[in-house]
């Protein structure tokens, strides 16, 4: 893998701060000290307006269910009121345990997607582990999709095209995007207005009991390693489950996941874009996900950034950030124009 010396100095500094911060707010069992985390986390407030390459992006937070802190941040690009815009429903990463749509890096990523595609983006805040274990994150994320379908123009801009909806996410959010989409297509005719035509899966968080070659080879990779991944799975999955649970190992960890894979073959499923990083320990699981979808007859586009580590999209100074925005934009435009 690329050494830290190959990274920009600002990235090295940010990674150092991240490692130090995690030692402060993460307990030995992997759970999060929320009080300390809230003091450290860098957030972006809303409502707000920002300029992304001459495009003004307005943000506002839309409540869904305050009793469980379920809400989404809406990103709306200016200058497009005369034409329909696709909708991206986005689920942030963080190992199911940290961050939200108001985390600065995710606010920045969604702002760039809204400006560049252009698209209306709804970035969902779901409850976190270990306080709320599986399937809470899937339930919250699916409920947000239902809310958007039911409310539509009461909360979204009038030019939002619900028939060109993309479900997206990074890391744990990529995992959520897969499972939410499965649930959506299992509920035939469940949505009145939304039509999901694509999945944007950025370094999705999948795993299993087996130790893959990339997990062993990239044991000291930045942002995530095997030990941290194991703790994240333990705090997310049901008590008594291992990493072969179908939430983590979607194509073959248990008899149940094999049944799910068989059912997927007969399920209508949208085109999928999967982004993989060459310095990500989880890349072998992501490739297995791609192969599993292809074996089920689904259309998948795999793009690899050879030097990208897990979570590279939180570092705008890296060249892969711009590549990601470009590749997602091309994927969305291609599918949206074919509808």
C-alpha atoms as a PDB file:
ATOM      1  CA  UNK A   1       0.000   0.000   0.000  1.00  0.00           C
ATOM      2  CA  UNK A   2       1.014   3.635  -0.361  1.00  0.00           C
ATOM      3  CA  UNK A   3       2.815   4.950   2.678  1.00  0.00           C
ATOM      4  CA  UNK A   4       1.663   8.042   4.504  1.00  0.00           C
ATOM      5  CA  UNK A   5       4.636   9.856   2.944  1.00  0.00           C
ATOM      6  CA  UNK A   6       2.850   9.543  -0.422  1.00  0.00           C
ATOM      7  CA  UNK A   7      -0.115  11.515   0.912  1.00  0.00           C
ATOM      8  CA  UNK A   8      -0.431  15.303   1.030  1.00  0.00           C
ATOM      9  CA  UNK A   9       0.763  16.773   4.312  1.00  0.00           C
ATOM     10  CA  UNK A  10      -2.733  18.027   5.109  1.00  0.00           C
ATOM     11  CA  UNK A  11      -4.087  14.478   4.708  1.00  0.00           C
ATOM     12  CA  UNK A  12      -1.365  13.047   6.954  1.00  0.00           C
ATOM     13  CA  UNK A  13      -2.254  15.655   9.564  1.00  0.00           C
ATOM     14  CA  UNK A  14      -5.985  14.899   9.353  1.00  0.00           C
ATOM     15  CA  UNK A  15      -5.325  11.157   9.706  1.00  0.00           C
ATOM     16  CA  UNK A  16      -3.170  11.819  12.761  1.00  0.00           C
ATOM     17  CA  UNK A  17      -5.965  13.891  14.305  1.00  0.00           C
ATOM     18  CA  UNK A  18      -8.484  11.134  13.486  1.00  0.00           C
ATOM     19  CA  UNK A  19      -6.363   8.449  15.164  1.00  0.00           C
ATOM     20  CA  UNK A  20      -5.872  10.612  18.254  1.00  0.00           C
ATOM     21  CA  UNK A  21      -9.565  11.550  18.436  1.00  0.00           C
ATOM     22  CA  UNK A  22     -10.650   7.925  18.218  1.00  0.00           C
ATOM     23  CA  UNK A  23      -8.433   7.025  21.156  1.00  0.00           C
ATOM     24  CA  UNK A  24     -10.171   9.754  23.131  1.00  0.00           C
ATOM     25  CA  UNK A  25     -13.818   8.911  22.385  1.00  0.00           C
ATOM     26  CA  UNK A  26     -13.689   5.130  21.739  1.00  0.00           C
ATOM     27  CA  UNK A  27     -13.853   2.743  24.684  1.00  0.00           C
ATOM     28  CA  UNK A  28     -11.905  -0.522  24.744  1.00  0.00           C
ATOM     29  CA  UNK A  29     -14.991  -2.487  23.650  1.00  0.00           C
ATOM     30  CA  UNK A  30     -15.438  -0.261  20.605  1.00  0.00           C
ATOM     31  CA  UNK A  31     -18.426   1.665  21.943  1.00  0.00           C
ATOM     32  CA  UNK A  32     -18.484   5.450  21.709  1.00  0.00           C
ATOM     33  CA  UNK A  33     -18.367   7.993  24.509  1.00  0.00           C
ATOM     34  CA  UNK A  34     -21.020  10.259  23.004  1.00  0.00           C
ATOM     35  CA  UNK A  35     -20.218  13.191  25.252  1.00  0.00           C
ATOM     36  CA  UNK A  36     -16.568  13.257  24.214  1.00  0.00           C
ATOM     37  CA  UNK A  37     -17.431  12.568  20.578  1.00  0.00           C
ATOM     38  CA  UNK A  38     -19.798  15.544  20.479  1.00  0.00           C
ATOM     39  CA  UNK A  39     -16.976  17.794  21.669  1.00  0.00           C
ATOM     40  CA  UNK A  40     -14.610  16.574  18.949  1.00  0.00           C
ATOM     41  CA  UNK A  41     -16.862  16.095  15.916  1.00  0.00           C
ATOM     42  CA  UNK A  42     -16.720  18.856  13.321  1.00  0.00           C
ATOM     43  CA  UNK A  43     -20.236  19.769  12.148  1.00  0.00           C
ATOM     44  CA  UNK A  44     -21.828  21.928   9.464  1.00  0.00           C
ATOM     45  CA  UNK A  45     -24.924  23.856  10.473  1.00  0.00           C
ATOM     46  CA  UNK A  46     -28.170  24.213   8.531  1.00  0.00           C
ATOM     47  CA  UNK A  47     -30.005  26.055   7.104  1.00  0.00           C
ATOM     48  CA  UNK A  48     -27.110  27.360   5.074  1.00  0.00           C
ATOM     49  CA  UNK A  49     -26.062  28.275   1.558  1.00  0.00           C
ATOM     50  CA  UNK A  50     -22.660  27.467   0.077  1.00  0.00           C
ATOM     51  CA  UNK A  51     -21.044  27.931  -3.301  1.00  0.00           C
ATOM     52  CA  UNK A  52     -19.681  24.838  -5.080  1.00  0.00           C
ATOM     53  CA  UNK A  53     -17.963  25.883  -8.330  1.00  0.00           C
ATOM     54  CA  UNK A  54     -20.413  28.736  -8.959  1.00  0.00           C
ATOM     55  CA  UNK A  55     -23.461  26.635  -8.000  1.00  0.00           C
ATOM     56  CA  UNK A  56     -25.273  27.731  -4.836  1.00  0.00           C
ATOM     57  CA  UNK A  57     -26.335  24.813  -2.645  1.00  0.00           C
ATOM     58  CA  UNK A  58     -28.960  25.407   0.027  1.00  0.00           C
ATOM     59  CA  UNK A  59     -29.254  23.005   2.948  1.00  0.00           C
ATOM     60  CA  UNK A  60     -32.055  22.478   5.418  1.00  0.00           C
ATOM     61  CA  UNK A  61     -32.851  19.757   7.951  1.00  0.00           C
ATOM     62  CA  UNK A  62     -36.191  17.956   7.634  1.00  0.00           C
ATOM     63  CA  UNK A  63     -37.567  16.135  10.725  1.00  0.00           C
ATOM     64  CA  UNK A  64     -39.193  12.711  10.277  1.00  0.00           C
ATOM     65  CA  UNK A  65     -39.548  11.286  13.790  1.00  0.00           C
ATOM     66  CA  UNK A  66     -37.959  13.362  16.578  1.00  0.00           C
ATOM     67  CA  UNK A  67     -38.598  10.576  19.118  1.00  0.00           C
ATOM     68  CA  UNK A  68     -35.840   8.533  17.463  1.00  0.00           C
ATOM     69  CA  UNK A  69     -33.813  11.439  16.060  1.00  0.00           C
ATOM     70  CA  UNK A  70     -34.765  10.455  12.525  1.00  0.00           C
ATOM     71  CA  UNK A  71     -34.295  13.285  10.008  1.00  0.00           C
ATOM     72  CA  UNK A  72     -32.542  14.117   6.785  1.00  0.00           C
ATOM     73  CA  UNK A  73     -30.528  17.015   5.436  1.00  0.00           C
ATOM     74  CA  UNK A  74     -31.811  18.305   2.111  1.00  0.00           C
ATOM     75  CA  UNK A  75     -29.290  19.662  -0.426  1.00  0.00           C
ATOM     76  CA  UNK A  76     -30.817  21.723  -3.250  1.00  0.00           C
ATOM     77  CA  UNK A  77     -28.812  23.219  -6.131  1.00  0.00           C
ATOM     78  CA  UNK A  78     -29.846  26.604  -7.485  1.00  0.00           C
ATOM     79  CA  UNK A  79     -30.419  27.499 -11.112  1.00  0.00           C
ATOM     80  CA  UNK A  80     -32.319  24.352 -12.150  1.00  0.00           C
ATOM     81  CA  UNK A  81     -35.939  25.180 -11.331  1.00  0.00           C
ATOM     82  CA  UNK A  82     -36.893  24.805 -14.997  1.00  0.00           C
ATOM     83  CA  UNK A  83     -35.882  21.130 -15.317  1.00  0.00           C
ATOM     84  CA  UNK A  84     -36.463  17.944 -13.302  1.00  0.00           C
ATOM     85  CA  UNK A  85     -33.580  16.788 -11.118  1.00  0.00           C
ATOM     86  CA  UNK A  86     -32.867  13.217  -9.971  1.00  0.00           C
ATOM     87  CA  UNK A  87     -33.052  12.397  -6.269  1.00  0.00           C
ATOM     88  CA  UNK A  88     -30.195  10.836  -4.313  1.00  0.00           C
ATOM     89  CA  UNK A  89     -31.177   9.339  -0.946  1.00  0.00           C
ATOM     90  CA  UNK A  90     -27.840   9.044   0.845  1.00  0.00           C
ATOM     91  CA  UNK A  91     -26.745   7.047   3.901  1.00  0.00           C
ATOM     92  CA  UNK A  92     -23.528   8.152   5.575  1.00  0.00           C
ATOM     93  CA  UNK A  93     -20.739   5.866   6.756  1.00  0.00           C
ATOM     94  CA  UNK A  94     -19.104   5.581  10.157  1.00  0.00           C
ATOM     95  CA  UNK A  95     -19.301   1.880  10.996  1.00  0.00           C
ATOM     96  CA  UNK A  96     -22.968   2.251  12.066  1.00  0.00           C
ATOM     97  CA  UNK A  97     -21.603   3.952  15.186  1.00  0.00           C
ATOM     98  CA  UNK A  98     -20.563   7.531  14.399  1.00  0.00           C
ATOM     99  CA  UNK A  99     -21.263  10.634  12.301  1.00  0.00           C
ATOM    100  CA  UNK A 100     -24.374  12.049  10.646  1.00  0.00           C
ATOM    101  CA  UNK A 101     -25.493  14.161   7.696  1.00  0.00           C
ATOM    102  CA  UNK A 102     -24.271  17.266   9.574  1.00  0.00           C
ATOM    103  CA  UNK A 103     -20.722  15.925   9.894  1.00  0.00           C
ATOM    104  CA  UNK A 104     -18.660  18.362   7.824  1.00  0.00           C
ATOM    105  CA  UNK A 105     -17.135  15.757   5.523  1.00  0.00           C
ATOM    106  CA  UNK A 106     -20.542  14.262   4.626  1.00  0.00           C
ATOM    107  CA  UNK A 107     -22.149  17.692   4.286  1.00  0.00           C
ATOM    108  CA  UNK A 108     -19.325  18.578   1.895  1.00  0.00           C
ATOM    109  CA  UNK A 109     -19.624  15.343  -0.111  1.00  0.00           C
ATOM    110  CA  UNK A 110     -23.382  15.675  -0.550  1.00  0.00           C
ATOM    111  CA  UNK A 111     -23.032  19.355  -1.448  1.00  0.00           C
ATOM    112  CA  UNK A 112     -20.623  18.449  -4.256  1.00  0.00           C
ATOM    113  CA  UNK A 113     -22.930  15.707  -5.530  1.00  0.00           C
ATOM    114  CA  UNK A 114     -25.882  18.093  -5.539  1.00  0.00           C
ATOM    115  CA  UNK A 115     -23.889  20.699  -7.473  1.00  0.00           C
ATOM    116  CA  UNK A 116     -22.103  18.472  -9.964  1.00  0.00           C
ATOM    117  CA  UNK A 117     -24.761  15.942 -11.003  1.00  0.00           C
ATOM    118  CA  UNK A 118     -26.907  18.133 -10.459  1.00  0.00           C
ATOM    119  CA  UNK A 119     -29.374  16.444  -8.112  1.00  0.00           C
ATOM    120  CA  UNK A 120     -31.510  16.915  -5.048  1.00  0.00           C
ATOM    121  CA  UNK A 121     -29.833  15.018  -2.192  1.00  0.00           C
ATOM    122  CA  UNK A 122     -31.514  13.777   0.995  1.00  0.00           C
ATOM    123  CA  UNK A 123     -28.869  12.612   3.499  1.00  0.00           C
ATOM    124  CA  UNK A 124     -30.471  10.527   6.248  1.00  0.00           C
ATOM    125  CA  UNK A 125     -29.689  10.570   9.959  1.00  0.00           C
ATOM    126  CA  UNK A 126     -30.261   7.119  11.501  1.00  0.00           C
ATOM    127  CA  UNK A 127     -29.726   5.826  15.037  1.00  0.00           C
ATOM    128  CA  UNK A 128     -26.287   4.483  15.905  1.00  0.00           C
ATOM    129  CA  UNK A 129     -24.700   1.478  17.564  1.00  0.00           C
ATOM    130  CA  UNK A 130     -24.020   0.155  20.081  1.00  0.00           C
ATOM    131  CA  UNK A 131     -27.017   1.855  21.692  1.00  0.00           C
ATOM    132  CA  UNK A 132     -29.205   0.697  18.798  1.00  0.00           C
ATOM    133  CA  UNK A 133     -28.227  -2.582  17.170  1.00  0.00           C
ATOM    134  CA  UNK A 134     -29.314  -4.321  13.964  1.00  0.00           C
ATOM    135  CA  UNK A 135     -31.818  -3.892  12.339  1.00  0.00           C
ATOM    136  CA  UNK A 136     -32.417  -0.361  13.674  1.00  0.00           C
ATOM    137  CA  UNK A 137     -30.263   1.310  11.023  1.00  0.00           C
ATOM    138  CA  UNK A 138     -32.085  -0.503   8.206  1.00  0.00           C
ATOM    139  CA  UNK A 139     -35.487   0.293   9.718  1.00  0.00           C
ATOM    140  CA  UNK A 140     -34.716   3.996  10.151  1.00  0.00           C
ATOM    141  CA  UNK A 141     -33.266   4.273   6.659  1.00  0.00           C
ATOM    142  CA  UNK A 142     -36.233   2.525   5.044  1.00  0.00           C
ATOM    143  CA  UNK A 143     -38.685   4.645   7.021  1.00  0.00           C
ATOM    144  CA  UNK A 144     -36.953   7.771   5.706  1.00  0.00           C
ATOM    145  CA  UNK A 145     -37.495   6.511   2.164  1.00  0.00           C
ATOM    146  CA  UNK A 146     -41.181   5.920   2.916  1.00  0.00           C
ATOM    147  CA  UNK A 147     -41.474   9.406   4.394  1.00  0.00           C
ATOM    148  CA  UNK A 148     -39.989  11.001   1.277  1.00  0.00           C
ATOM    149  CA  UNK A 149     -42.354   8.998  -0.945  1.00  0.00           C
ATOM    150  CA  UNK A 150     -45.378  10.055   1.112  1.00  0.00           C
ATOM    151  CA  UNK A 151     -44.476  13.721   1.620  1.00  0.00           C
ATOM    152  CA  UNK A 152     -42.856  14.460  -1.757  1.00  0.00           C
ATOM    153  CA  UNK A 153     -43.394  18.150  -2.611  1.00  0.00           C
ATOM    154  CA  UNK A 154     -44.297  19.085   0.939  1.00  0.00           C
ATOM    155  CA  UNK A 155     -40.575  18.789   1.716  1.00  0.00           C
ATOM    156  CA  UNK A 156     -38.753  18.390  -1.630  1.00  0.00           C
ATOM    157  CA  UNK A 157     -38.352  20.980  -4.401  1.00  0.00           C
ATOM    158  CA  UNK A 158     -41.139  20.819  -6.976  1.00  0.00           C
ATOM    159  CA  UNK A 159     -38.690  19.831  -9.731  1.00  0.00           C
ATOM    160  CA  UNK A 160     -37.481  16.684  -7.904  1.00  0.00           C
ATOM    161  CA  UNK A 161     -37.962  13.669 -10.177  1.00  0.00           C
ATOM    162  CA  UNK A 162     -38.951  10.779  -7.890  1.00  0.00           C
ATOM    163  CA  UNK A 163     -38.968   8.425 -10.893  1.00  0.00           C
ATOM    164  CA  UNK A 164     -35.209   8.867 -11.115  1.00  0.00           C
ATOM    165  CA  UNK A 165     -34.215   7.972  -7.563  1.00  0.00           C
ATOM    166  CA  UNK A 166     -30.763   6.715  -6.575  1.00  0.00           C
ATOM    167  CA  UNK A 167     -29.965   5.059  -3.244  1.00  0.00           C
ATOM    168  CA  UNK A 168     -26.401   5.796  -2.169  1.00  0.00           C
ATOM    169  CA  UNK A 169     -24.020   5.386   0.699  1.00  0.00           C
ATOM    170  CA  UNK A 170     -20.430   4.947   1.739  1.00  0.00           C
ATOM    171  CA  UNK A 171     -18.933   2.253   3.990  1.00  0.00           C
ATOM    172  CA  UNK A 172     -21.694   1.306   6.476  1.00  0.00           C
ATOM    173  CA  UNK A 173     -23.993   3.526   4.422  1.00  0.00           C
ATOM    174  CA  UNK A 174     -23.211   1.409   1.367  1.00  0.00           C
ATOM    175  CA  UNK A 175     -24.237  -1.657   3.351  1.00  0.00           C
ATOM    176  CA  UNK A 176     -27.461   0.104   4.356  1.00  0.00           C
ATOM    177  CA  UNK A 177     -28.126   1.146   0.748  1.00  0.00           C
ATOM    178  CA  UNK A 178     -28.013  -2.504  -0.360  1.00  0.00           C
ATOM    179  CA  UNK A 179     -30.334  -3.805   2.359  1.00  0.00           C
ATOM    180  CA  UNK A 180     -32.794  -0.906   2.063  1.00  0.00           C
ATOM    181  CA  UNK A 181     -32.999  -1.416  -1.696  1.00  0.00           C
ATOM    182  CA  UNK A 182     -33.613  -5.142  -1.221  1.00  0.00           C
ATOM    183  CA  UNK A 183     -36.443  -4.344   1.182  1.00  0.00           C
ATOM    184  CA  UNK A 184     -37.878  -1.744  -1.201  1.00  0.00           C
ATOM    185  CA  UNK A 185     -38.008  -4.175  -4.139  1.00  0.00           C
ATOM    186  CA  UNK A 186     -39.419  -6.971  -1.995  1.00  0.00           C
ATOM    187  CA  UNK A 187     -42.400  -4.721  -1.228  1.00  0.00           C
ATOM    188  CA  UNK A 188     -43.936  -4.750  -4.709  1.00  0.00           C
ATOM    189  CA  UNK A 189     -45.835  -1.543  -5.514  1.00  0.00           C
ATOM    190  CA  UNK A 190     -45.076  -0.294  -2.000  1.00  0.00           C
ATOM    191  CA  UNK A 191     -43.935   3.136  -3.156  1.00  0.00           C
ATOM    192  CA  UNK A 192     -46.402   5.388  -4.885  1.00  0.00           C
ATOM    193  CA  UNK A 193     -43.990   7.907  -6.395  1.00  0.00           C
ATOM    194  CA  UNK A 194     -40.393   6.754  -5.910  1.00  0.00           C
ATOM    195  CA  UNK A 195     -38.743   4.580  -8.553  1.00  0.00           C
ATOM    196  CA  UNK A 196     -35.227   3.416  -7.639  1.00  0.00           C
ATOM    197  CA  UNK A 197     -33.111   3.147 -10.788  1.00  0.00           C
ATOM    198  CA  UNK A 198     -29.593   2.945  -9.337  1.00  0.00           C
ATOM    199  CA  UNK A 199     -27.422   2.244  -6.305  1.00  0.00           C
ATOM    200  CA  UNK A 200     -24.282   4.241  -5.486  1.00  0.00           C
ATOM    201  CA  UNK A 201     -22.095   2.027  -3.289  1.00  0.00           C
ATOM    202  CA  UNK A 202     -18.832   3.662  -2.172  1.00  0.00           C
ATOM    203  CA  UNK A 203     -16.484   1.220  -0.421  1.00  0.00           C
ATOM    204  CA  UNK A 204     -19.439  -0.663   1.123  1.00  0.00           C
ATOM    205  CA  UNK A 205     -18.880  -2.238   4.537  1.00  0.00           C
ATOM    206  CA  UNK A 206     -19.288  -6.002   4.178  1.00  0.00           C
ATOM    207  CA  UNK A 207     -17.434  -8.809   5.934  1.00  0.00           C
ATOM    208  CA  UNK A 208     -17.349 -12.346   7.235  1.00  0.00           C
ATOM    209  CA  UNK A 209     -15.539 -14.709   9.549  1.00  0.00           C
ATOM    210  CA  UNK A 210     -12.900 -15.504   6.957  1.00  0.00           C
ATOM    211  CA  UNK A 211      -9.777 -13.340   6.840  1.00  0.00           C
ATOM    212  CA  UNK A 212      -9.308 -12.210   3.267  1.00  0.00           C
ATOM    213  CA  UNK A 213      -6.010 -11.502   1.558  1.00  0.00           C
ATOM    214  CA  UNK A 214      -6.569  -7.741   1.569  1.00  0.00           C
ATOM    215  CA  UNK A 215      -7.480  -7.710   5.272  1.00  0.00           C
ATOM    216  CA  UNK A 216      -4.205  -9.443   6.107  1.00  0.00           C
ATOM    217  CA  UNK A 217      -2.042  -7.483   3.655  1.00  0.00           C
ATOM    218  CA  UNK A 218      -3.427  -4.072   4.655  1.00  0.00           C
ATOM    219  CA  UNK A 219      -3.453  -4.661   8.398  1.00  0.00           C
ATOM    220  CA  UNK A 220      -2.024  -1.190   9.100  1.00  0.00           C
ATOM    221  CA  UNK A 221      -4.124   0.758   6.612  1.00  0.00           C
ATOM    222  CA  UNK A 222      -5.445   4.180   7.658  1.00  0.00           C
ATOM    223  CA  UNK A 223      -9.017   4.724   8.937  1.00  0.00           C
ATOM    224  CA  UNK A 224     -10.018   1.037   9.336  1.00  0.00           C
ATOM    225  CA  UNK A 225      -8.264  -2.252  10.067  1.00  0.00           C
ATOM    226  CA  UNK A 226      -9.386  -5.762  10.972  1.00  0.00           C
ATOM    227  CA  UNK A 227      -9.493  -5.125  14.707  1.00  0.00           C
ATOM    228  CA  UNK A 228     -11.650  -2.031  14.332  1.00  0.00           C
ATOM    229  CA  UNK A 229     -13.909  -3.724  11.786  1.00  0.00           C
ATOM    230  CA  UNK A 230     -14.440  -6.665  14.144  1.00  0.00           C
ATOM    231  CA  UNK A 231     -15.490  -4.327  16.958  1.00  0.00           C
ATOM    232  CA  UNK A 232     -17.877  -2.471  14.672  1.00  0.00           C
ATOM    233  CA  UNK A 233     -19.559  -5.704  13.575  1.00  0.00           C
ATOM    234  CA  UNK A 234     -19.801  -6.970  17.160  1.00  0.00           C
ATOM    235  CA  UNK A 235     -21.528  -3.787  18.282  1.00  0.00           C
ATOM    236  CA  UNK A 236     -23.904  -3.766  15.305  1.00  0.00           C
ATOM    237  CA  UNK A 237     -24.972  -7.387  14.830  1.00  0.00           C
ATOM    238  CA  UNK A 238     -27.528  -9.182  17.065  1.00  0.00           C
ATOM    239  CA  UNK A 239     -26.230 -10.781  20.243  1.00  0.00           C
ATOM    240  CA  UNK A 240     -24.851 -14.238  19.526  1.00  0.00           C
ATOM    241  CA  UNK A 241     -24.286 -13.564  15.828  1.00  0.00           C
ATOM    242  CA  UNK A 242     -20.933 -13.695  14.079  1.00  0.00           C
ATOM    243  CA  UNK A 243     -19.706 -11.855  10.996  1.00  0.00           C
ATOM    244  CA  UNK A 244     -21.306 -14.433   8.690  1.00  0.00           C
ATOM    245  CA  UNK A 245     -24.671 -12.934   9.542  1.00  0.00           C
ATOM    246  CA  UNK A 246     -26.418 -11.966   6.249  1.00  0.00           C
ATOM    247  CA  UNK A 247     -26.259  -8.294   7.196  1.00  0.00           C
ATOM    248  CA  UNK A 248     -22.477  -8.521   6.845  1.00  0.00           C
ATOM    249  CA  UNK A 249     -21.861 -11.487   4.540  1.00  0.00           C
ATOM    250  CA  UNK A 250     -24.635 -11.099   2.006  1.00  0.00           C
ATOM    251  CA  UNK A 251     -23.531 -13.852  -0.379  1.00  0.00           C
ATOM    252  CA  UNK A 252     -22.737 -17.034   1.478  1.00  0.00           C
ATOM    253  CA  UNK A 253     -21.931 -16.724   5.145  1.00  0.00           C
ATOM    254  CA  UNK A 254     -24.893 -18.792   6.357  1.00  0.00           C
ATOM    255  CA  UNK A 255     -27.773 -20.815   4.984  1.00  0.00           C
ATOM    256  CA  UNK A 256     -29.945 -17.721   5.434  1.00  0.00           C
ATOM    257  CA  UNK A 257     -27.632 -15.520   3.356  1.00  0.00           C
ATOM    258  CA  UNK A 258     -27.559 -18.187   0.650  1.00  0.00           C
ATOM    259  CA  UNK A 259     -31.368 -18.143   0.636  1.00  0.00           C
ATOM    260  CA  UNK A 260     -31.302 -14.344   0.380  1.00  0.00           C
ATOM    261  CA  UNK A 261     -28.910 -14.560  -2.563  1.00  0.00           C
ATOM    262  CA  UNK A 262     -31.174 -17.085  -4.294  1.00  0.00           C
ATOM    263  CA  UNK A 263     -34.173 -14.802  -3.755  1.00  0.00           C
ATOM    264  CA  UNK A 264     -32.228 -11.882  -5.229  1.00  0.00           C
ATOM    265  CA  UNK A 265     -31.956 -13.713  -8.538  1.00  0.00           C
ATOM    266  CA  UNK A 266     -35.725 -13.403  -9.001  1.00  0.00           C
ATOM    267  CA  UNK A 267     -35.914  -9.861  -7.659  1.00  0.00           C
ATOM    268  CA  UNK A 268     -36.005  -6.802  -9.859  1.00  0.00           C
ATOM    269  CA  UNK A 269     -32.919  -4.840  -8.895  1.00  0.00           C
ATOM    270  CA  UNK A 270     -31.432  -1.575 -10.187  1.00  0.00           C
ATOM    271  CA  UNK A 271     -28.000  -1.015 -11.721  1.00  0.00           C
ATOM    272  CA  UNK A 272     -25.224  -0.709  -9.151  1.00  0.00           C
ATOM    273  CA  UNK A 273     -22.039   1.370  -9.104  1.00  0.00           C
ATOM    274  CA  UNK A 274     -19.400   0.058  -6.690  1.00  0.00           C
ATOM    275  CA  UNK A 275     -16.296   2.096  -5.851  1.00  0.00           C
ATOM    276  CA  UNK A 276     -13.308   0.156  -4.466  1.00  0.00           C
ATOM    277  CA  UNK A 277     -10.028   1.478  -3.073  1.00  0.00           C
ATOM    278  CA  UNK A 278      -6.729  -0.308  -3.647  1.00  0.00           C
ATOM    279  CA  UNK A 279      -5.569   0.512  -0.099  1.00  0.00           C
ATOM    280  CA  UNK A 280      -8.827  -0.515   1.574  1.00  0.00           C
ATOM    281  CA  UNK A 281      -8.612  -3.715   3.673  1.00  0.00           C
ATOM    282  CA  UNK A 282     -12.296  -4.367   2.899  1.00  0.00           C
ATOM    283  CA  UNK A 283     -11.821  -4.458  -0.876  1.00  0.00           C
ATOM    284  CA  UNK A 284     -11.980  -8.269  -1.175  1.00  0.00           C
ATOM    285  CA  UNK A 285     -15.421  -8.280   0.448  1.00  0.00           C
ATOM    286  CA  UNK A 286     -16.503  -5.494  -1.886  1.00  0.00           C
ATOM    287  CA  UNK A 287     -15.344  -7.498  -4.921  1.00  0.00           C
ATOM    288  CA  UNK A 288     -17.259 -10.519  -3.628  1.00  0.00           C
ATOM    289  CA  UNK A 289     -20.316  -8.297  -3.385  1.00  0.00           C
ATOM    290  CA  UNK A 290     -19.855  -7.288  -7.025  1.00  0.00           C
ATOM    291  CA  UNK A 291     -19.411 -10.910  -8.102  1.00  0.00           C
ATOM    292  CA  UNK A 292     -22.419 -11.989  -6.049  1.00  0.00           C
ATOM    293  CA  UNK A 293     -24.631  -9.434  -7.762  1.00  0.00           C
ATOM    294  CA  UNK A 294     -23.328 -10.457 -11.184  1.00  0.00           C
ATOM    295  CA  UNK A 295     -23.961 -14.133 -10.395  1.00  0.00           C
ATOM    296  CA  UNK A 296     -27.552 -13.144  -9.649  1.00  0.00           C
ATOM    297  CA  UNK A 297     -27.803 -11.564 -13.094  1.00  0.00           C
ATOM    298  CA  UNK A 298     -27.617  -7.948 -11.913  1.00  0.00           C
ATOM    299  CA  UNK A 299     -25.906  -5.083 -13.728  1.00  0.00           C
ATOM    300  CA  UNK A 300     -22.868  -3.835 -11.809  1.00  0.00           C
ATOM    301  CA  UNK A 301     -20.180  -1.313 -12.679  1.00  0.00           C
ATOM    302  CA  UNK A 302     -16.951  -1.636 -10.652  1.00  0.00           C
ATOM    303  CA  UNK A 303     -14.478   1.250 -10.497  1.00  0.00           C
ATOM    304  CA  UNK A 304     -11.214   1.020  -8.573  1.00  0.00           C
ATOM    305  CA  UNK A 305      -9.001   3.829  -7.362  1.00  0.00           C
ATOM    306  CA  UNK A 306      -5.651   2.121  -6.870  1.00  0.00           C
ATOM    307  CA  UNK A 307      -4.282   4.464  -4.187  1.00  0.00           C
ATOM    308  CA  UNK A 308      -7.503   5.129  -2.256  1.00  0.00           C
ATOM    309  CA  UNK A 309      -7.773   4.123   1.393  1.00  0.00           C
ATOM    310  CA  UNK A 310     -11.070   3.554   3.171  1.00  0.00           C
ATOM    311  CA  UNK A 311     -12.933   6.821   3.629  1.00  0.00           C
ATOM    312  CA  UNK A 312     -10.883   8.793   1.087  1.00  0.00           C
ATOM    313  CA  UNK A 313     -14.007  10.841   0.215  1.00  0.00           C
ATOM    314  CA  UNK A 314     -13.658  12.663   3.535  1.00  0.00           C
ATOM    315  CA  UNK A 315     -10.432  14.233   2.252  1.00  0.00           C
ATOM    316  CA  UNK A 316     -11.295  16.674  -0.532  1.00  0.00           C
ATOM    317  CA  UNK A 317      -7.625  17.426  -1.228  1.00  0.00           C
ATOM    318  CA  UNK A 318      -7.097  13.888  -2.575  1.00  0.00           C
ATOM    319  CA  UNK A 319      -7.442  13.444  -6.359  1.00  0.00           C
ATOM    320  CA  UNK A 320      -9.803  10.511  -5.806  1.00  0.00           C
ATOM    321  CA  UNK A 321     -12.413  12.869  -4.345  1.00  0.00           C
ATOM    322  CA  UNK A 322     -12.843  14.616  -7.696  1.00  0.00           C
ATOM    323  CA  UNK A 323     -12.769  11.253  -9.505  1.00  0.00           C
ATOM    324  CA  UNK A 324     -15.582   9.989  -7.280  1.00  0.00           C
ATOM    325  CA  UNK A 325     -17.787  12.989  -8.003  1.00  0.00           C
ATOM    326  CA  UNK A 326     -17.114  12.601 -11.739  1.00  0.00           C
ATOM    327  CA  UNK A 327     -17.782   8.854 -11.812  1.00  0.00           C
ATOM    328  CA  UNK A 328     -20.986   9.122  -9.777  1.00  0.00           C
ATOM    329  CA  UNK A 329     -22.142  11.985 -11.990  1.00  0.00           C
ATOM    330  CA  UNK A 330     -21.522   9.950 -15.150  1.00  0.00           C
ATOM    331  CA  UNK A 331     -23.321   6.905 -13.710  1.00  0.00           C
ATOM    332  CA  UNK A 332     -26.377   8.927 -12.691  1.00  0.00           C
ATOM    333  CA  UNK A 333     -26.587  10.866 -15.947  1.00  0.00           C
ATOM    334  CA  UNK A 334     -26.295   7.678 -18.005  1.00  0.00           C
ATOM    335  CA  UNK A 335     -29.148   5.955 -16.156  1.00  0.00           C
ATOM    336  CA  UNK A 336     -31.291   9.048 -15.714  1.00  0.00           C
ATOM    337  CA  UNK A 337     -31.191   9.831 -19.429  1.00  0.00           C
ATOM    338  CA  UNK A 338     -32.100   6.245 -20.319  1.00  0.00           C
ATOM    339  CA  UNK A 339     -35.338   6.437 -18.326  1.00  0.00           C
END
